[in-house]
């Protein structure tokens, strides 16, 4: 997977309360309204992330199928403040509840997107770092005008590369 060359993604791993936190920050070459649309509208999400269906109001519940990782889950919208903030809680494959927050900030003709996901196990946190960076890269690819259609071997190879770099980030303690 290649992302738009104008997009730089900074990823980091932390922990709080015994659970892992993944943080991704990227500067995307699009305005805030377009980026908001890309991360909240099902017909656009399916082109880079996966299939999301449900009630898209605060308190509403949804289902998701994440194309790359092939995870299925359920979620609830906790906060929706267009086009600045979205927070959802999700569970996937019977795992623990996770809370994901997307904060958007306009910066000229670009938008800064910060995604923070709380609630992963510390043992596998590096894999979530790689996965979330790949989602951020896929978003950049999509915003550059290309649907992400290959969630097969190339996607998995890139995820494995990123996993190794995030594994190197894991040092004790992770708390912040």
Protein backbone atom coordinates (compact mmCIF):
# COMPACT_ATOMS: atom_id res chain seq x y z
CA UNK A 1 0.00 0.00 0.00
CA UNK A 2 1.35 3.37 -0.84
CA UNK A 3 0.02 6.55 0.63
CA UNK A 4 -0.07 10.01 -0.85
CA UNK A 5 3.47 11.44 -0.81
CA UNK A 6 2.22 14.67 0.80
CA UNK A 7 0.92 12.81 3.85
CA UNK A 8 3.23 12.16 6.76
CA UNK A 9 1.91 9.84 9.45
CA UNK A 10 3.36 9.82 12.95
CA UNK A 11 2.44 6.85 15.09
CA UNK A 12 3.10 6.18 18.75
CA UNK A 13 2.24 3.60 21.41
CA UNK A 14 1.39 4.26 25.05
CA UNK A 15 -0.54 2.68 27.87
CA UNK A 16 -2.87 3.85 30.54
CA UNK A 17 -4.66 1.87 33.22
CA UNK A 18 -3.03 -1.36 32.06
CA UNK A 19 -4.33 -1.09 28.49
CA UNK A 20 -2.62 -0.04 25.29
CA UNK A 21 -3.13 3.23 23.42
CA UNK A 22 -2.33 3.75 19.73
CA UNK A 23 -2.02 7.31 18.45
CA UNK A 24 -1.79 8.28 14.77
CA UNK A 25 -1.36 11.82 13.52
CA UNK A 26 -1.39 12.72 9.85
CA UNK A 27 -1.53 15.86 7.74
CA UNK A 28 -3.80 15.21 4.76
CA UNK A 29 -3.94 17.27 1.56
CA UNK A 30 -7.67 17.97 1.72
CA UNK A 31 -10.02 20.31 3.53
CA UNK A 32 -11.65 19.41 6.82
CA UNK A 33 -15.12 18.80 5.33
CA UNK A 34 -13.77 16.30 2.79
CA UNK A 35 -11.73 14.44 5.42
CA UNK A 36 -14.73 14.35 7.77
CA UNK A 37 -16.84 12.90 4.97
CA UNK A 38 -14.18 10.26 4.20
CA UNK A 39 -14.13 8.99 7.81
CA UNK A 40 -17.88 9.15 8.52
CA UNK A 41 -19.82 8.29 5.35
CA UNK A 42 -20.33 4.55 4.72
CA UNK A 43 -20.10 4.88 0.92
CA UNK A 44 -16.63 6.43 1.32
CA UNK A 45 -15.42 4.27 4.23
CA UNK A 46 -15.92 1.13 2.17
CA UNK A 47 -13.44 2.44 -0.41
CA UNK A 48 -10.50 2.52 2.04
CA UNK A 49 -11.47 0.96 5.41
CA UNK A 50 -14.40 -1.41 5.31
CA UNK A 51 -18.15 -1.81 5.43
CA UNK A 52 -19.98 0.13 8.15
CA UNK A 53 -23.76 0.01 8.60
CA UNK A 54 -26.16 1.24 11.26
CA UNK A 55 -27.56 4.24 13.09
CA UNK A 56 -25.09 7.11 12.69
CA UNK A 57 -26.39 9.40 15.45
CA UNK A 58 -24.94 9.93 18.91
CA UNK A 59 -25.94 6.84 20.89
CA UNK A 60 -26.57 4.94 17.66
CA UNK A 61 -25.12 1.49 17.12
CA UNK A 62 -23.38 0.15 14.03
CA UNK A 63 -21.66 -2.94 12.68
CA UNK A 64 -18.37 -2.94 10.85
CA UNK A 65 -16.31 -5.27 8.74
CA UNK A 66 -12.71 -4.06 8.44
CA UNK A 67 -11.44 -5.18 5.04
CA UNK A 68 -7.71 -5.45 5.75
CA UNK A 69 -7.78 -7.25 9.09
CA UNK A 70 -11.07 -9.01 8.28
CA UNK A 71 -12.35 -8.14 11.77
CA UNK A 72 -16.06 -7.90 12.39
CA UNK A 73 -17.38 -5.83 15.22
CA UNK A 74 -20.09 -3.70 16.72
CA UNK A 75 -19.89 -0.14 17.90
CA UNK A 76 -21.68 2.84 19.35
CA UNK A 77 -21.26 6.52 18.51
CA UNK A 78 -20.34 8.40 21.69
CA UNK A 79 -19.49 11.87 20.34
CA UNK A 80 -20.14 13.40 16.94
CA UNK A 81 -19.18 17.06 16.49
CA UNK A 82 -18.88 17.61 12.71
CA UNK A 83 -16.36 18.25 11.29
CA UNK A 84 -14.07 18.28 14.32
CA UNK A 85 -14.51 15.25 16.56
CA UNK A 86 -15.83 11.69 16.40
CA UNK A 87 -15.60 9.17 19.24
CA UNK A 88 -16.87 5.61 19.01
CA UNK A 89 -16.66 2.58 21.25
CA UNK A 90 -16.27 -0.79 19.55
CA UNK A 91 -15.86 -4.48 20.26
CA UNK A 92 -14.48 -6.97 17.76
CA UNK A 93 -14.39 -10.74 17.76
CA UNK A 94 -15.54 -10.97 21.40
CA UNK A 95 -12.64 -8.83 22.62
CA UNK A 96 -12.63 -5.94 25.08
CA UNK A 97 -14.31 -2.62 24.36
CA UNK A 98 -12.08 -0.05 22.67
CA UNK A 99 -12.61 3.67 22.43
CA UNK A 100 -11.49 5.43 19.23
CA UNK A 101 -11.37 9.20 18.87
CA UNK A 102 -10.74 11.15 15.67
CA UNK A 103 -9.88 14.84 16.06
CA UNK A 104 -9.68 17.02 12.94
CA UNK A 105 -8.05 20.46 12.71
CA UNK A 106 -8.08 22.61 9.57
CA UNK A 107 -4.66 23.92 8.54
CA UNK A 108 -5.00 25.98 5.37
CA UNK A 109 -5.90 23.63 2.53
CA UNK A 110 -4.81 20.62 4.62
CA UNK A 111 -6.33 18.87 7.61
CA UNK A 112 -4.56 17.38 10.62
CA UNK A 113 -6.21 14.13 11.72
CA UNK A 114 -5.30 12.61 15.07
CA UNK A 115 -6.71 9.19 15.87
CA UNK A 116 -6.31 7.76 19.35
CA UNK A 117 -7.49 4.25 20.19
CA UNK A 118 -7.65 3.05 23.81
CA UNK A 119 -8.24 -0.44 25.15
CA UNK A 120 -5.88 -2.91 23.47
CA UNK A 121 -3.89 -5.56 25.31
CA UNK A 122 -0.31 -4.53 26.00
CA UNK A 123 1.03 -7.83 24.63
CA UNK A 124 -0.27 -7.20 21.11
CA UNK A 125 -0.15 -3.42 21.10
CA UNK A 126 2.54 -3.26 18.41
CA UNK A 127 0.24 -5.08 15.96
CA UNK A 128 -2.49 -2.50 16.53
CA UNK A 129 0.08 0.24 15.87
CA UNK A 130 0.94 -1.32 12.53
CA UNK A 131 -2.71 -1.86 11.67
CA UNK A 132 -3.77 1.69 12.51
CA UNK A 133 -0.86 3.17 10.58
CA UNK A 134 -1.89 1.09 7.59
CA UNK A 135 -5.45 2.43 7.89
CA UNK A 136 -4.03 5.99 7.98
CA UNK A 137 -1.96 5.22 4.87
CA UNK A 138 -4.99 3.71 3.13
CA UNK A 139 -6.94 6.90 3.92
CA UNK A 140 -4.17 8.98 2.32
CA UNK A 141 -4.20 6.72 -0.75
CA UNK A 142 -7.96 7.09 -1.05
CA UNK A 143 -7.87 10.88 -0.60
CA UNK A 144 -5.23 11.03 -3.35
CA UNK A 145 -7.83 9.58 -5.71
CA UNK A 146 -7.25 5.82 -5.50
CA UNK A 147 -9.60 3.26 -4.01
CA UNK A 148 -7.83 0.72 -1.84
CA UNK A 149 -8.82 -2.52 -3.52
CA UNK A 150 -6.00 -4.92 -2.59
CA UNK A 151 -6.50 -6.12 0.95
CA UNK A 152 -4.67 -9.34 0.17
CA UNK A 153 -0.99 -10.24 0.22
CA UNK A 154 0.34 -6.71 -0.39
CA UNK A 155 -1.72 -5.34 2.51
CA UNK A 156 -0.55 -8.11 4.83
CA UNK A 157 3.08 -7.63 3.79
CA UNK A 158 2.90 -3.92 4.61
CA UNK A 159 1.20 -4.70 7.94
CA UNK A 160 4.03 -7.10 8.84
CA UNK A 161 6.63 -4.42 7.98
CA UNK A 162 4.86 -1.90 10.18
CA UNK A 163 4.43 -4.44 12.99
CA UNK A 164 8.21 -4.82 13.16
CA UNK A 165 8.76 -1.07 13.44
CA UNK A 166 6.08 -0.77 16.16
CA UNK A 167 7.51 -3.76 18.02
CA UNK A 168 10.78 -1.78 18.27
CA UNK A 169 8.83 1.10 19.89
CA UNK A 170 7.61 -1.01 22.78
CA UNK A 171 9.65 -0.17 25.84
CA UNK A 172 8.69 -0.33 29.48
CA UNK A 173 6.94 1.50 30.89
CA UNK A 174 4.43 2.66 28.32
CA UNK A 175 2.36 4.75 30.77
CA UNK A 176 1.82 8.42 30.01
